[in-house]
Protein backbone atom coordinates (compact mmCIF):
# COMPACT_ATOMS: atom_id res chain seq x y z
CA MET A 1 -13.93 1.99 -11.42
CA SER A 2 -11.29 0.91 -12.66
CA LEU A 3 -7.64 2.73 -13.07
CA ASP A 4 -4.83 3.57 -14.65
CA LEU A 5 -2.25 1.89 -12.18
CA PRO A 6 2.06 1.55 -12.54
CA SER A 7 2.04 -2.02 -12.61
CA PRO A 8 4.40 -2.21 -9.41
CA ILE A 9 1.08 -0.31 -7.26
CA ALA A 10 -1.57 -3.20 -9.55
CA ALA A 11 0.15 -5.57 -8.30
CA TYR A 12 0.16 -4.94 -4.62
CA VAL A 13 -3.70 -3.36 -4.85
CA ALA A 14 -4.54 -6.51 -6.21
CA ALA A 15 -2.52 -8.77 -3.57
CA ASN A 16 -3.86 -7.11 -1.03
CA ALA A 17 -7.54 -7.83 -1.97
CA CYS A 18 -6.81 -11.37 -1.81
CA LEU A 19 -4.89 -10.45 1.63
CA ASP A 20 -1.90 -12.11 -0.46
CA LEU A 21 1.67 -11.71 1.55
CA ASP A 22 4.03 -12.01 -0.64
CA GLY A 23 2.09 -11.17 -3.35
CA MET A 24 2.12 -7.93 -1.58
CA LEU A 25 6.00 -7.16 -0.59
CA ARG A 26 6.68 -8.35 -4.46
CA PRO A 27 6.44 -5.24 -5.49
CA PHE A 28 8.44 -3.40 -3.49
CA ALA A 29 12.07 -2.69 -4.01
CA ALA A 30 14.60 -4.08 -1.40
CA ASP A 31 15.47 -1.88 0.53
CA ALA A 32 11.55 0.42 0.46
CA VAL A 33 10.23 2.30 3.02
CA ALA A 34 7.48 2.61 4.64
CA PHE A 35 5.50 5.09 6.53
CA ASP A 36 2.14 4.13 8.60
CA MET A 37 0.47 5.74 11.82
CA GLY A 38 3.95 7.65 12.28
CA LYS A 39 5.99 4.53 11.76
CA SER A 40 8.21 3.79 9.30
CA ARG A 41 9.52 0.56 7.91
CA GLN A 42 12.38 -0.22 6.12
CA GLY A 43 13.32 -3.36 4.28
CA HIS A 44 11.55 -6.65 3.20
CA ALA A 45 11.68 -7.99 6.55
CA GLU A 46 9.63 -4.42 8.69
CA LEU A 47 7.83 -4.70 5.64
CA ARG A 48 6.43 -8.58 5.91
CA THR A 49 5.98 -7.33 10.05
CA TRP A 50 4.39 -4.80 9.23
CA PHE A 51 1.60 -6.36 6.27
CA GLU A 52 1.40 -9.20 8.71
CA GLU A 53 0.15 -6.87 11.83
CA GLU A 54 -1.39 -4.22 10.18
CA VAL A 55 -3.18 -5.59 6.94
CA ILE A 56 -3.01 -9.25 7.24
CA ALA A 57 -5.16 -9.73 11.23
CA VAL A 58 -7.70 -7.21 10.94
CA LYS A 59 -8.09 -8.25 7.22
CA ALA A 60 -7.28 -4.49 5.59
CA ILE A 61 -8.27 -4.41 2.24
CA PHE A 62 -7.52 -0.56 0.39
CA THR A 63 -9.88 -0.41 -2.50
CA PRO A 64 -8.39 2.81 -4.36
CA ASP A 65 -10.51 5.20 -6.77
CA SER A 66 -8.62 7.42 -7.66
CA ALA A 67 -5.49 8.48 -8.77
CA ARG A 68 -2.99 10.97 -9.86
CA HIS A 69 0.77 11.95 -10.21
CA GLU A 70 1.75 14.84 -8.08
CA ASN A 71 5.49 15.64 -7.40
CA GLY A 72 7.04 12.82 -8.74
CA GLN A 73 4.81 10.27 -6.70
CA VAL A 74 1.88 8.71 -7.56
CA VAL A 75 -1.12 9.48 -5.41
CA VAL A 76 -3.96 6.39 -4.61
CA GLU A 77 -6.73 6.58 -2.92
CA GLY A 78 -10.03 5.41 -1.65
CA PRO A 79 -11.45 3.56 1.71
CA ALA A 80 -10.11 0.66 3.27
CA HIS A 81 -12.13 -2.16 4.43
CA GLY A 82 -11.70 -4.53 7.60
CA ASP A 83 -11.52 -5.65 10.98
CA PHE A 84 -10.77 -2.67 12.55
CA LYS A 85 -12.25 0.49 14.30
CA GLY A 86 -13.66 3.16 12.34
CA SER A 87 -13.91 0.88 9.11
CA PRO A 88 -14.17 2.05 6.24
CA ILE A 89 -11.52 4.90 6.48
CA ARG A 90 -10.75 6.80 3.46
CA PHE A 91 -6.89 6.44 2.87
CA THR A 92 -4.30 8.05 0.79
CA TYR A 93 -1.44 5.61 -0.58
CA ARG A 94 1.18 8.25 -1.99
CA PHE A 95 3.70 6.08 -3.58
CA THR A 96 7.35 6.59 -5.07
CA LEU A 97 7.98 4.76 -8.10
CA GLN A 98 12.22 3.80 -9.12
CA ASN A 99 13.08 1.09 -11.28
CA ASP A 100 9.90 -0.83 -11.62
CA ALA A 101 9.24 -1.08 -8.26
CA ILE A 102 7.50 0.37 -4.76
CA LYS A 103 10.95 2.66 -3.40
CA ALA A 104 8.79 4.88 -0.90
CA LEU A 105 4.60 4.11 0.31
CA GLU A 106 2.91 7.10 2.78
CA ILE A 107 -0.28 6.35 4.59
CA THR A 108 -2.36 8.87 6.08
CA ALA A 109 -6.22 8.97 6.68
């Protein structure tokens, strides 16, 4: 299924599909914040470490199958597959966009 995602989100998803660390980081604002598994990370340095440890290391690839706008956010849902316990797991990604960049991301299972 092809989704009509805003360009920063589409760029993130495409880079994630290739496990391209720099490509995954590029759509995020310099001061972006991400919330995942009870932890927050802010700025490119912390996001890079998070991607290295929690995405690249376990080859976690998110494959969105639905998207909607809700309360000023873009909510994208789908499974993530990889070398981690319980794979695949269905996730909800809540993106906040600002100035054509990802300003915030909250991930829940």
